[in-house]
Amino acid sequence: MQESKTYHLPILIEQDEDGIFIVSCPSFKSCHSFGKTIDEAMSNIREVIEICIEEEKEQFGELNRFIGFREIEIAA
């Protein structure tokens, strides 16, 4: 039996103009979901992340290590 591993992954949460919460996990390419509430969006992204983890392991063997976020200010 394969041992289970726990991952601590970053999640970005945004809200669009219609009030829908959009969530993304930057540890994976194209790992996005949404929901009418933050709780719904987080539940949905969990499912997507589980799929991404399996695909990433098959393709690369291990996940990239999360370092952190930075914010940049740009005058426009």
C-alpha atoms as a PDB file:
ATOM      1  CA  MET A   1       0.000   0.000   0.000  1.00  0.00           C
ATOM      2  CA  GLN A   2       1.357   3.443  -0.977  1.00  0.00           C
ATOM      3  CA  GLU A   3       1.915   5.915   1.849  1.00  0.00           C
ATOM      4  CA  SER A   4      -0.215   9.071   1.746  1.00  0.00           C
ATOM      5  CA  LYS A   5       1.602  12.408   1.582  1.00  0.00           C
ATOM      6  CA  THR A   6       0.261  15.748   2.783  1.00  0.00           C
ATOM      7  CA  TYR A   7       0.853  18.829   0.611  1.00  0.00           C
ATOM      8  CA  HIS A   8       0.567  22.456   1.700  1.00  0.00           C
ATOM      9  CA  LEU A   9      -0.280  24.379  -1.455  1.00  0.00           C
ATOM     10  CA  PRO A  10      -0.906  28.073  -2.121  1.00  0.00           C
ATOM     11  CA  ILE A  11      -4.345  29.153  -3.343  1.00  0.00           C
ATOM     12  CA  LEU A  12      -5.178  32.479  -5.010  1.00  0.00           C
ATOM     13  CA  ILE A  13      -8.735  33.730  -4.546  1.00  0.00           C
ATOM     14  CA  GLU A  14     -10.243  36.428  -6.749  1.00  0.00           C
ATOM     15  CA  GLN A  15     -13.788  37.649  -7.273  1.00  0.00           C
ATOM     16  CA  ASP A  16     -15.095  38.527 -10.718  1.00  0.00           C
ATOM     17  CA  GLU A  17     -17.536  41.278 -11.652  1.00  0.00           C
ATOM     18  CA  ASP A  18     -20.492  38.902 -11.139  1.00  0.00           C
ATOM     19  CA  GLY A  19     -19.428  38.014  -7.584  1.00  0.00           C
ATOM     20  CA  ILE A  20     -18.153  34.533  -8.504  1.00  0.00           C
ATOM     21  CA  PHE A  21     -15.038  33.414  -6.599  1.00  0.00           C
ATOM     22  CA  ILE A  22     -12.233  32.192  -8.847  1.00  0.00           C
ATOM     23  CA  VAL A  23      -9.551  30.063  -7.209  1.00  0.00           C
ATOM     24  CA  SER A  24      -6.200  28.998  -8.619  1.00  0.00           C
ATOM     25  CA  CYS A  25      -3.316  26.881  -7.395  1.00  0.00           C
ATOM     26  CA  PRO A  26      -0.140  28.343  -8.944  1.00  0.00           C
ATOM     27  CA  SER A  27       1.802  25.154  -8.188  1.00  0.00           C
ATOM     28  CA  PHE A  28       0.155  23.622 -11.266  1.00  0.00           C
ATOM     29  CA  LYS A  29      -0.463  24.930 -14.772  1.00  0.00           C
ATOM     30  CA  SER A  30      -4.160  25.389 -15.556  1.00  0.00           C
ATOM     31  CA  CYS A  31      -5.303  24.527 -12.023  1.00  0.00           C
ATOM     32  CA  HIS A  32      -8.367  26.745 -11.605  1.00  0.00           C
ATOM     33  CA  SER A  33     -11.939  26.438 -10.394  1.00  0.00           C
ATOM     34  CA  PHE A  34     -14.769  28.648  -9.148  1.00  0.00           C
ATOM     35  CA  GLY A  35     -17.793  28.809  -6.877  1.00  0.00           C
ATOM     36  CA  LYS A  36     -20.598  31.075  -5.702  1.00  0.00           C
ATOM     37  CA  THR A  37     -18.997  31.143  -2.236  1.00  0.00           C
ATOM     38  CA  ILE A  38     -15.398  30.853  -1.068  1.00  0.00           C
ATOM     39  CA  ASP A  39     -16.249  27.523   0.599  1.00  0.00           C
ATOM     40  CA  GLU A  40     -17.714  26.151  -2.628  1.00  0.00           C
ATOM     41  CA  ALA A  41     -14.730  27.395  -4.641  1.00  0.00           C
ATOM     42  CA  MET A  42     -12.280  25.831  -2.157  1.00  0.00           C
ATOM     43  CA  SER A  43     -14.114  22.511  -2.292  1.00  0.00           C
ATOM     44  CA  ASN A  44     -14.014  22.598  -6.090  1.00  0.00           C
ATOM     45  CA  ILE A  45     -10.296  23.465  -6.278  1.00  0.00           C
ATOM     46  CA  ARG A  46      -9.501  20.600  -3.895  1.00  0.00           C
ATOM     47  CA  GLU A  47     -10.888  18.151  -6.470  1.00  0.00           C
ATOM     48  CA  VAL A  48      -8.923  19.791  -9.288  1.00  0.00           C
ATOM     49  CA  ILE A  49      -5.701  19.757  -7.225  1.00  0.00           C
ATOM     50  CA  GLU A  50      -6.076  16.030  -6.525  1.00  0.00           C
ATOM     51  CA  ILE A  51      -6.205  15.407 -10.286  1.00  0.00           C
ATOM     52  CA  CYS A  52      -3.248  17.743 -10.875  1.00  0.00           C
ATOM     53  CA  ILE A  53      -1.144  15.979  -8.222  1.00  0.00           C
ATOM     54  CA  GLU A  54      -1.699  12.596  -9.856  1.00  0.00           C
ATOM     55  CA  GLU A  55      -0.878  13.935 -13.327  1.00  0.00           C
ATOM     56  CA  GLU A  56       2.201  15.794 -12.073  1.00  0.00           C
ATOM     57  CA  LYS A  57       3.551  12.723 -10.255  1.00  0.00           C
ATOM     58  CA  GLU A  58       3.106  10.592 -13.370  1.00  0.00           C
ATOM     59  CA  GLN A  59       4.822  13.146 -15.591  1.00  0.00           C
ATOM     60  CA  PHE A  60       7.564  14.608 -13.368  1.00  0.00           C
ATOM     61  CA  GLY A  61       7.779  12.427 -10.264  1.00  0.00           C
ATOM     62  CA  GLU A  62       7.612  15.292  -7.743  1.00  0.00           C
ATOM     63  CA  LEU A  63       5.947  18.658  -7.297  1.00  0.00           C
ATOM     64  CA  ASN A  64       7.639  22.054  -7.439  1.00  0.00           C
ATOM     65  CA  ARG A  65       8.354  23.534  -4.026  1.00  0.00           C
ATOM     66  CA  PHE A  66       6.334  26.636  -3.121  1.00  0.00           C
ATOM     67  CA  ILE A  67       8.524  29.594  -2.097  1.00  0.00           C
ATOM     68  CA  GLY A  68       6.115  32.498  -1.571  1.00  0.00           C
ATOM     69  CA  PHE A  69       4.168  35.399  -3.006  1.00  0.00           C
ATOM     70  CA  ARG A  70       5.257  38.944  -3.690  1.00  0.00           C
ATOM     71  CA  GLU A  71       3.201  41.962  -4.612  1.00  0.00           C
ATOM     72  CA  ILE A  72       4.482  44.509  -7.103  1.00  0.00           C
ATOM     73  CA  GLU A  73       3.211  48.062  -7.523  1.00  0.00           C
ATOM     74  CA  ILE A  74       3.068  49.476 -11.041  1.00  0.00           C
ATOM     75  CA  ALA A  75       1.874  52.960 -11.904  1.00  0.00           C
ATOM     76  CA  ALA A  76      -0.234  53.026 -15.043  1.00  0.00           C
END
